[in-house]
Amino acid sequence: IFAWHWRKMVLSLLVMLVILATLILLEQGNQKKLGAGGVLNRARPLAPGVSPGAEKAKRFFLTVPLRVYLGWISVATIANVTAVLVRANWNGFGIDPRVWTVIVIIAGLAVALGFSLWKRQIAAPLVIVWAYAGIVIKRAQTDAGYSMAVWMTALIAGVLILASIVVAQLLLPDKKSH
């Protein structure tokens, strides 16, 4: 946060990449704990004196906050890369900035779909939907005509992410990992 506020964009991006890598490693550790034989696996017998509710709360508090932060850092990393490129006066190969913004939104969509469909997560993709809602609200209120492609892409991406969460949770076979 300090690097960002001091406008040290490259330093901020490097810090973000370290945080992102750390969160990915922590999430991989959680995936192992949620998997077969792991201490957070639902199929594992409860320890004596532990209620099902307490076990569910433990699983929630050890996974969901991390996934929310992972989703936020994913979005923030994409935004920081963009900020570094803008600061470096990158011309985007002459392509309109709105097109690049659409490409960046689609990249975030791919990340969110990975979270929801491949990892069967809810928290991280919802953070990305929240970020896209912010884009839609800001762009539709400030320069709706000029950036219609941007906010429409964000809107469609948000809807696709929400649909992917429903599909992953209701229609795909259970992975028994969370």
Protein backbone atom coordinates (compact mmCIF):
# COMPACT_ATOMS: atom_id res chain seq x y z
CA ILE A 1 0.00 0.00 0.00
CA PHE A 2 2.84 2.40 0.84
CA ALA A 3 4.59 1.72 -2.47
CA TRP A 4 1.35 2.38 -4.35
CA HIS A 5 0.60 5.61 -2.49
CA TRP A 6 4.17 6.83 -2.97
CA ARG A 7 3.64 6.12 -6.71
CA LYS A 8 6.40 3.53 -6.81
CA MET A 9 4.49 1.46 -9.38
CA VAL A 10 7.20 -1.09 -10.20
CA LEU A 11 7.96 -1.66 -6.51
CA SER A 12 4.25 -1.98 -5.83
CA LEU A 13 3.94 -4.57 -8.61
CA LEU A 14 6.89 -6.55 -7.25
CA VAL A 15 5.36 -6.57 -3.77
CA MET A 16 2.04 -7.67 -5.26
CA LEU A 17 3.71 -10.53 -7.11
CA VAL A 18 5.34 -11.72 -3.88
CA ILE A 19 1.99 -11.55 -2.08
CA LEU A 20 0.26 -13.35 -4.97
CA ALA A 21 2.88 -16.13 -4.99
CA THR A 22 2.58 -16.49 -1.21
CA LEU A 23 -1.21 -16.72 -1.38
CA ILE A 24 -1.03 -19.30 -4.16
CA LEU A 25 1.30 -21.42 -2.03
CA LEU A 26 -1.01 -21.06 0.99
CA GLU A 27 -4.01 -22.04 -1.15
CA GLN A 28 -2.14 -25.09 -2.43
CA GLY A 29 -1.50 -26.06 1.18
CA ASN A 30 -5.20 -25.64 1.94
CA GLN A 31 -6.09 -27.79 -1.06
CA LYS A 32 -3.95 -30.58 0.36
CA LYS A 33 -5.65 -30.21 3.74
CA LEU A 34 -9.06 -30.31 2.05
CA GLY A 35 -8.13 -33.35 -0.04
CA ALA A 36 -8.33 -37.02 0.84
CA GLY A 37 -6.71 -37.66 4.22
CA GLY A 38 -6.30 -33.95 4.90
CA VAL A 39 -7.17 -32.42 8.26
CA LEU A 40 -9.92 -30.27 6.68
CA ASN A 41 -11.47 -33.02 4.55
CA ARG A 42 -15.23 -33.35 5.04
CA ALA A 43 -15.09 -37.14 4.90
CA ARG A 44 -12.58 -37.29 7.78
CA PRO A 45 -14.10 -38.49 11.07
CA LEU A 46 -14.60 -35.77 13.65
CA ALA A 47 -12.25 -35.66 16.60
CA PRO A 48 -13.89 -36.61 19.91
CA GLY A 49 -15.83 -33.68 21.36
CA VAL A 50 -15.78 -31.62 18.14
CA SER A 51 -19.18 -30.69 16.78
CA PRO A 52 -19.92 -30.73 13.04
CA GLY A 53 -20.65 -27.00 13.26
CA ALA A 54 -17.26 -26.27 14.81
CA GLU A 55 -15.53 -28.32 12.13
CA LYS A 56 -17.43 -26.49 9.39
CA ALA A 57 -16.54 -23.12 10.95
CA LYS A 58 -12.87 -24.13 11.13
CA ARG A 59 -12.90 -25.14 7.46
CA PHE A 60 -14.63 -21.86 6.55
CA PHE A 61 -12.27 -19.58 8.47
CA LEU A 62 -9.16 -21.38 7.23
CA THR A 63 -10.15 -21.20 3.57
CA VAL A 64 -12.59 -18.40 2.74
CA PRO A 65 -10.62 -15.35 4.00
CA LEU A 66 -7.54 -16.60 2.15
CA ARG A 67 -9.58 -17.06 -1.03
CA VAL A 68 -11.09 -13.59 -0.74
CA TYR A 69 -7.60 -12.13 -0.41
CA LEU A 70 -6.36 -14.29 -3.30
CA GLY A 71 -9.19 -12.99 -5.50
CA TRP A 72 -8.46 -9.40 -4.49
CA ILE A 73 -4.71 -9.73 -5.06
CA SER A 74 -5.39 -11.33 -8.46
CA VAL A 75 -7.47 -8.32 -9.52
CA ALA A 76 -5.01 -5.87 -7.95
CA THR A 77 -2.06 -7.52 -9.71
CA ILE A 78 -3.78 -7.17 -13.07
CA ALA A 79 -4.51 -3.53 -12.25
CA ASN A 80 -0.91 -2.93 -11.13
CA VAL A 81 0.50 -4.41 -14.35
CA THR A 82 -1.76 -2.03 -16.24
CA ALA A 83 -0.65 0.92 -14.09
CA VAL A 84 3.03 0.09 -14.66
CA LEU A 85 2.47 -0.06 -18.42
CA VAL A 86 0.59 3.25 -18.42
CA ARG A 87 3.29 4.86 -16.28
CA ALA A 88 5.92 3.63 -18.76
CA ASN A 89 3.98 5.34 -21.57
CA TRP A 90 3.43 2.02 -23.32
CA ASN A 91 1.38 2.70 -26.42
CA GLY A 92 -0.30 -0.71 -26.52
CA PHE A 93 1.07 -1.39 -30.00
CA GLY A 94 -1.20 1.41 -31.20
CA ILE A 95 -4.35 -0.45 -30.17
CA ASP A 96 -7.12 1.62 -28.60
CA PRO A 97 -6.91 1.62 -24.77
CA ARG A 98 -10.52 0.46 -24.58
CA VAL A 99 -9.58 -2.68 -26.50
CA TRP A 100 -6.74 -3.32 -24.05
CA THR A 101 -9.14 -2.81 -21.17
CA VAL A 102 -11.48 -5.39 -22.68
CA ILE A 103 -8.52 -7.78 -23.01
CA VAL A 104 -7.57 -7.21 -19.36
CA ILE A 105 -11.18 -7.84 -18.28
CA ILE A 106 -11.17 -11.09 -20.25
CA ALA A 107 -7.89 -12.08 -18.55
CA GLY A 108 -9.56 -11.51 -15.17
CA LEU A 109 -12.54 -13.53 -16.39
CA ALA A 110 -10.20 -16.42 -17.20
CA VAL A 111 -8.71 -16.25 -13.71
CA ALA A 112 -12.19 -16.20 -12.14
CA LEU A 113 -13.36 -19.15 -14.25
CA GLY A 114 -10.29 -21.07 -13.13
CA PHE A 115 -11.23 -20.40 -9.52
CA SER A 116 -14.88 -21.30 -9.97
CA LEU A 117 -14.81 -24.21 -12.41
CA TRP A 118 -11.42 -25.81 -11.83
CA LYS A 119 -11.00 -25.15 -8.10
CA ARG A 120 -14.74 -24.99 -7.27
CA GLN A 121 -14.27 -21.84 -5.24
CA ILE A 122 -16.88 -19.21 -4.57
CA ALA A 123 -15.09 -16.47 -2.62
CA ALA A 124 -12.28 -15.56 -5.06
CA PRO A 125 -14.50 -15.30 -8.15
CA LEU A 126 -17.04 -13.23 -6.22
CA VAL A 127 -14.29 -10.69 -5.48
CA ILE A 128 -13.66 -10.43 -9.21
CA VAL A 129 -17.40 -9.94 -9.83
CA TRP A 130 -17.29 -7.15 -7.23
CA ALA A 131 -14.39 -5.50 -9.09
CA TYR A 132 -16.28 -5.76 -12.37
CA ALA A 133 -19.38 -4.26 -10.77
CA GLY A 134 -17.22 -1.29 -9.82
CA ILE A 135 -16.04 -0.94 -13.41
CA VAL A 136 -19.60 -1.08 -14.73
CA ILE A 137 -20.88 1.49 -12.22
CA LYS A 138 -18.00 3.92 -12.77
CA ARG A 139 -17.87 3.67 -16.57
CA ALA A 140 -21.65 3.74 -17.04
CA GLN A 141 -21.90 6.91 -14.92
CA THR A 142 -18.87 8.84 -16.17
CA ASP A 143 -18.40 8.08 -19.86
CA ALA A 144 -21.01 5.52 -20.81
CA GLY A 145 -20.91 6.08 -24.55
CA TYR A 146 -17.14 6.26 -24.91
CA SER A 147 -16.43 3.15 -22.83
CA MET A 148 -19.51 1.08 -23.63
CA ALA A 149 -17.39 -1.87 -24.81
CA VAL A 150 -15.48 -1.81 -21.51
CA TRP A 151 -18.43 -1.75 -19.16
CA MET A 152 -20.46 -4.16 -21.28
CA THR A 153 -17.53 -6.61 -21.24
CA ALA A 154 -17.25 -6.22 -17.46
CA LEU A 155 -21.00 -6.76 -17.09
CA ILE A 156 -20.99 -9.87 -19.29
CA ALA A 157 -17.86 -11.19 -17.55
CA GLY A 158 -19.50 -10.71 -14.14
CA VAL A 159 -22.60 -12.60 -15.26
CA LEU A 160 -20.45 -15.40 -16.74
CA ILE A 161 -18.53 -15.69 -13.47
CA LEU A 162 -21.74 -15.91 -11.45
CA ALA A 163 -23.09 -18.54 -13.87
CA SER A 164 -19.84 -20.52 -13.58
CA ILE A 165 -20.18 -20.56 -9.79
CA VAL A 166 -23.69 -21.97 -10.09
CA VAL A 167 -22.58 -24.56 -12.65
CA ALA A 168 -19.57 -25.60 -10.55
CA GLN A 169 -21.55 -25.86 -7.32
CA LEU A 170 -24.71 -27.49 -8.67
CA LEU A 171 -23.98 -29.31 -11.90
CA LEU A 172 -20.38 -30.52 -11.87
CA PRO A 173 -19.41 -33.68 -10.00
CA ASP A 174 -18.30 -33.02 -6.41
CA LYS A 175 -14.54 -33.08 -5.97
CA LYS A 176 -14.88 -33.96 -2.26
CA SER A 177 -12.16 -31.42 -1.48
CA HIS A 178 -14.12 -28.69 0.25
